[in-house]
Amino acid sequence: MELVRLSRNALDHYTIHGARGFRDAFKKMLAELMEVYLDEGKDVTKTKWWGKAVNHAKTVDVVAAKLLKYKPLLENAS
């Protein structure tokens, strides 16, 4: 649930602060995942939720890449 909350914050930060806010929020998501990984050890990678969390982070990363790629177009449109 924390990862979903952080994703929502990333989108909110994009709306407020643009691509930089989204990037900062994405970094917080990755930090949260790494914190769990370091606390739980390598066994956490075998759990079902870990795979879903990593896939979620990858999806958000793809969205971030698209936002940065089309940043000038999006900024000029608004």
N, C-alpha and C. Protein backbone atom coordinates (compact mmCIF):
# COMPACT_ATOMS: atom_id res chain seq x y z
N MET A 1 0.81 -1.20 0.00
CA MET A 1 0.00 0.00 0.00
C MET A 1 0.86 1.26 0.00
N GLU A 2 1.98 1.19 0.66
CA GLU A 2 2.87 2.35 0.70
C GLU A 2 3.36 2.71 -0.70
N LEU A 3 3.64 1.68 -1.50
CA LEU A 3 4.11 1.92 -2.86
C LEU A 3 3.02 2.60 -3.71
N VAL A 4 1.80 2.20 -3.51
CA VAL A 4 0.68 2.81 -4.24
C VAL A 4 0.53 4.26 -3.81
N ARG A 5 0.65 4.52 -2.52
CA ARG A 5 0.57 5.89 -2.02
C ARG A 5 1.68 6.74 -2.61
N LEU A 6 2.87 6.20 -2.68
CA LEU A 6 3.99 6.94 -3.25
C LEU A 6 3.78 7.19 -4.74
N SER A 7 3.17 6.25 -5.44
CA SER A 7 2.86 6.45 -6.86
C SER A 7 1.86 7.58 -7.03
N ARG A 8 0.87 7.58 -6.19
CA ARG A 8 -0.14 8.65 -6.25
C ARG A 8 0.53 9.99 -5.98
N ASN A 9 1.43 10.02 -5.00
CA ASN A 9 2.15 11.26 -4.71
C ASN A 9 3.01 11.69 -5.90
N ALA A 10 3.59 10.72 -6.61
CA ALA A 10 4.40 11.05 -7.78
C ALA A 10 3.57 11.76 -8.83
N LEU A 11 2.36 11.27 -9.05
CA LEU A 11 1.48 11.92 -10.03
C LEU A 11 1.05 13.30 -9.54
N ASP A 12 0.75 13.40 -8.26
CA ASP A 12 0.39 14.71 -7.70
C ASP A 12 1.55 15.69 -7.82
N HIS A 13 2.76 15.20 -7.55
CA HIS A 13 3.94 16.06 -7.63
C HIS A 13 4.19 16.48 -9.07
N TYR A 14 3.87 15.60 -10.03
CA TYR A 14 4.03 15.99 -11.43
C TYR A 14 3.08 17.14 -11.76
N THR A 15 1.86 17.03 -11.27
CA THR A 15 0.87 18.07 -11.52
C THR A 15 1.32 19.41 -10.93
N ILE A 16 1.92 19.35 -9.76
CA ILE A 16 2.31 20.58 -9.05
C ILE A 16 3.68 21.08 -9.49
N HIS A 17 4.65 20.17 -9.55
CA HIS A 17 6.04 20.58 -9.75
C HIS A 17 6.63 20.15 -11.09
N GLY A 18 5.88 19.48 -11.92
CA GLY A 18 6.40 19.04 -13.21
C GLY A 18 7.24 17.77 -13.10
N ALA A 19 8.09 17.57 -14.09
CA ALA A 19 8.87 16.34 -14.16
C ALA A 19 9.82 16.18 -12.97
N ARG A 20 10.34 17.27 -12.46
CA ARG A 20 11.26 17.18 -11.32
C ARG A 20 10.54 16.61 -10.09
N GLY A 21 9.32 17.05 -9.84
CA GLY A 21 8.56 16.51 -8.71
C GLY A 21 8.26 15.03 -8.88
N PHE A 22 7.96 14.63 -10.12
CA PHE A 22 7.70 13.22 -10.39
C PHE A 22 8.97 12.40 -10.15
N ARG A 23 10.10 12.91 -10.62
CA ARG A 23 11.37 12.20 -10.44
C ARG A 23 11.70 12.05 -8.95
N ASP A 24 11.50 13.10 -8.18
CA ASP A 24 11.78 13.02 -6.74
C ASP A 24 10.89 12.01 -6.05
N ALA A 25 9.61 12.00 -6.43
CA ALA A 25 8.69 11.03 -5.83
C ALA A 25 9.06 9.61 -6.24
N PHE A 26 9.52 9.42 -7.48
CA PHE A 26 9.94 8.09 -7.93
C PHE A 26 11.15 7.62 -7.13
N LYS A 27 12.06 8.52 -6.85
CA LYS A 27 13.22 8.16 -6.04
C LYS A 27 12.79 7.70 -4.65
N LYS A 28 11.77 8.32 -4.10
CA LYS A 28 11.25 7.90 -2.79
C LYS A 28 10.68 6.49 -2.86
N MET A 29 10.01 6.17 -3.99
CA MET A 29 9.47 4.83 -4.18
C MET A 29 10.60 3.80 -4.18
N LEU A 30 11.66 4.10 -4.93
CA LEU A 30 12.79 3.17 -4.99
C LEU A 30 13.47 3.02 -3.64
N ALA A 31 13.57 4.12 -2.91
CA ALA A 31 14.16 4.06 -1.58
C ALA A 31 13.33 3.19 -0.65
N GLU A 32 12.01 3.28 -0.77
CA GLU A 32 11.13 2.45 0.05
C GLU A 32 11.33 0.97 -0.27
N LEU A 33 11.42 0.64 -1.55
CA LEU A 33 11.66 -0.75 -1.94
C LEU A 33 13.00 -1.25 -1.42
N MET A 34 14.02 -0.43 -1.54
CA MET A 34 15.34 -0.84 -1.07
C MET A 34 15.37 -1.00 0.45
N GLU A 35 14.64 -0.17 1.15
CA GLU A 35 14.57 -0.29 2.60
C GLU A 35 13.94 -1.63 3.00
N VAL A 36 12.88 -1.99 2.31
CA VAL A 36 12.23 -3.28 2.58
C VAL A 36 13.19 -4.41 2.25
N TYR A 37 13.87 -4.30 1.13
CA TYR A 37 14.82 -5.34 0.71
C TYR A 37 15.93 -5.51 1.74
N LEU A 38 16.47 -4.41 2.23
CA LEU A 38 17.56 -4.49 3.21
C LEU A 38 17.07 -5.02 4.55
N ASP A 39 15.83 -4.69 4.92
CA ASP A 39 15.28 -5.17 6.19
C ASP A 39 14.94 -6.66 6.14
N GLU A 40 14.38 -7.09 5.02
CA GLU A 40 13.88 -8.46 4.90
C GLU A 40 14.91 -9.45 4.36
N GLY A 41 15.90 -8.98 3.66
CA GLY A 41 16.90 -9.85 3.07
C GLY A 41 16.47 -10.38 1.71
N LYS A 42 17.29 -11.28 1.16
CA LYS A 42 17.03 -11.79 -0.18
C LYS A 42 15.77 -12.64 -0.26
N ASP A 43 15.29 -13.13 0.85
CA ASP A 43 14.08 -13.96 0.83
C ASP A 43 12.86 -13.18 0.36
N VAL A 44 12.87 -11.88 0.52
CA VAL A 44 11.73 -11.07 0.12
C VAL A 44 11.53 -11.12 -1.39
N THR A 45 12.60 -11.34 -2.14
CA THR A 45 12.48 -11.36 -3.60
C THR A 45 11.69 -12.56 -4.10
N LYS A 46 11.50 -13.55 -3.26
CA LYS A 46 10.75 -14.75 -3.65
C LYS A 46 9.26 -14.61 -3.40
N THR A 47 8.85 -13.54 -2.74
CA THR A 47 7.43 -13.37 -2.43
C THR A 47 6.68 -12.79 -3.63
N LYS A 48 5.40 -13.08 -3.66
CA LYS A 48 4.55 -12.62 -4.77
C LYS A 48 4.45 -11.09 -4.79
N TRP A 49 4.28 -10.48 -3.62
CA TRP A 49 4.09 -9.04 -3.58
C TRP A 49 5.34 -8.30 -4.03
N TRP A 50 6.52 -8.87 -3.79
CA TRP A 50 7.75 -8.21 -4.21
C TRP A 50 7.80 -8.10 -5.74
N GLY A 51 7.44 -9.17 -6.42
CA GLY A 51 7.40 -9.14 -7.87
C GLY A 51 6.44 -8.09 -8.40
N LYS A 52 5.30 -8.00 -7.76
CA LYS A 52 4.32 -6.99 -8.18
C LYS A 52 4.84 -5.58 -7.89
N ALA A 53 5.50 -5.41 -6.77
CA ALA A 53 6.05 -4.09 -6.43
C ALA A 53 7.13 -3.68 -7.42
N VAL A 54 7.98 -4.61 -7.80
CA VAL A 54 9.04 -4.30 -8.77
C VAL A 54 8.42 -3.99 -10.13
N ASN A 55 7.42 -4.76 -10.54
CA ASN A 55 6.74 -4.47 -11.81
C ASN A 55 6.08 -3.10 -11.78
N HIS A 56 5.50 -2.76 -10.64
CA HIS A 56 4.88 -1.44 -10.48
C HIS A 56 5.93 -0.33 -10.63
N ALA A 57 7.07 -0.52 -10.00
CA ALA A 57 8.14 0.47 -10.10
C ALA A 57 8.62 0.60 -11.54
N LYS A 58 8.71 -0.52 -12.25
CA LYS A 58 9.11 -0.47 -13.66
C LYS A 58 8.09 0.29 -14.49
N THR A 59 6.81 0.07 -14.21
CA THR A 59 5.76 0.79 -14.94
C THR A 59 5.85 2.29 -14.69
N VAL A 60 6.05 2.66 -13.45
CA VAL A 60 6.18 4.08 -13.11
C VAL A 60 7.42 4.66 -13.79
N ASP A 61 8.49 3.87 -13.89
CA ASP A 61 9.70 4.32 -14.56
C ASP A 61 9.43 4.58 -16.04
N VAL A 62 8.65 3.73 -16.69
CA VAL A 62 8.30 3.93 -18.09
C VAL A 62 7.48 5.21 -18.25
N VAL A 63 6.54 5.43 -17.34
CA VAL A 63 5.73 6.65 -17.38
C VAL A 63 6.63 7.88 -17.20
N ALA A 64 7.55 7.80 -16.27
CA ALA A 64 8.47 8.92 -16.03
C ALA A 64 9.31 9.21 -17.27
N ALA A 65 9.78 8.17 -17.93
CA ALA A 65 10.57 8.36 -19.14
C ALA A 65 9.75 9.05 -20.23
N LYS A 66 8.49 8.64 -20.36
CA LYS A 66 7.62 9.28 -21.36
C LYS A 66 7.35 10.74 -20.99
N LEU A 67 7.13 11.00 -19.72
CA LEU A 67 6.89 12.38 -19.29
C LEU A 67 8.09 13.26 -19.59
N LEU A 68 9.28 12.75 -19.33
CA LEU A 68 10.48 13.55 -19.59
C LEU A 68 10.71 13.71 -21.10
N LYS A 69 10.37 12.68 -21.86
CA LYS A 69 10.55 12.75 -23.31
C LYS A 69 9.64 13.81 -23.92
N TYR A 70 8.40 13.84 -23.44
CA TYR A 70 7.43 14.76 -24.01
C TYR A 70 7.23 16.02 -23.16
N LYS A 71 8.15 16.26 -22.24
CA LYS A 71 8.04 17.39 -21.34
C LYS A 71 7.83 18.72 -22.07
N PRO A 72 8.62 19.04 -23.09
CA PRO A 72 8.41 20.32 -23.77
C PRO A 72 7.03 20.43 -24.40
N LEU A 73 6.56 19.35 -24.98
CA LEU A 73 5.24 19.35 -25.60
C LEU A 73 4.14 19.56 -24.56
N LEU A 74 4.27 18.87 -23.42
CA LEU A 74 3.27 18.98 -22.37
C LEU A 74 3.27 20.37 -21.74
N GLU A 75 4.46 20.94 -21.56
CA GLU A 75 4.54 22.26 -20.94
C GLU A 75 4.02 23.36 -21.87
N ASN A 76 4.25 23.21 -23.17
CA ASN A 76 3.78 24.20 -24.12
C ASN A 76 2.28 24.12 -24.34
N ALA A 77 1.72 22.94 -24.12
CA ALA A 77 0.28 22.75 -24.32
C ALA A 77 -0.52 23.38 -23.19
N SER A 78 0.07 23.50 -22.02
CA SER A 78 -0.68 24.04 -20.88
C SER A 78 -0.51 25.49 -20.70
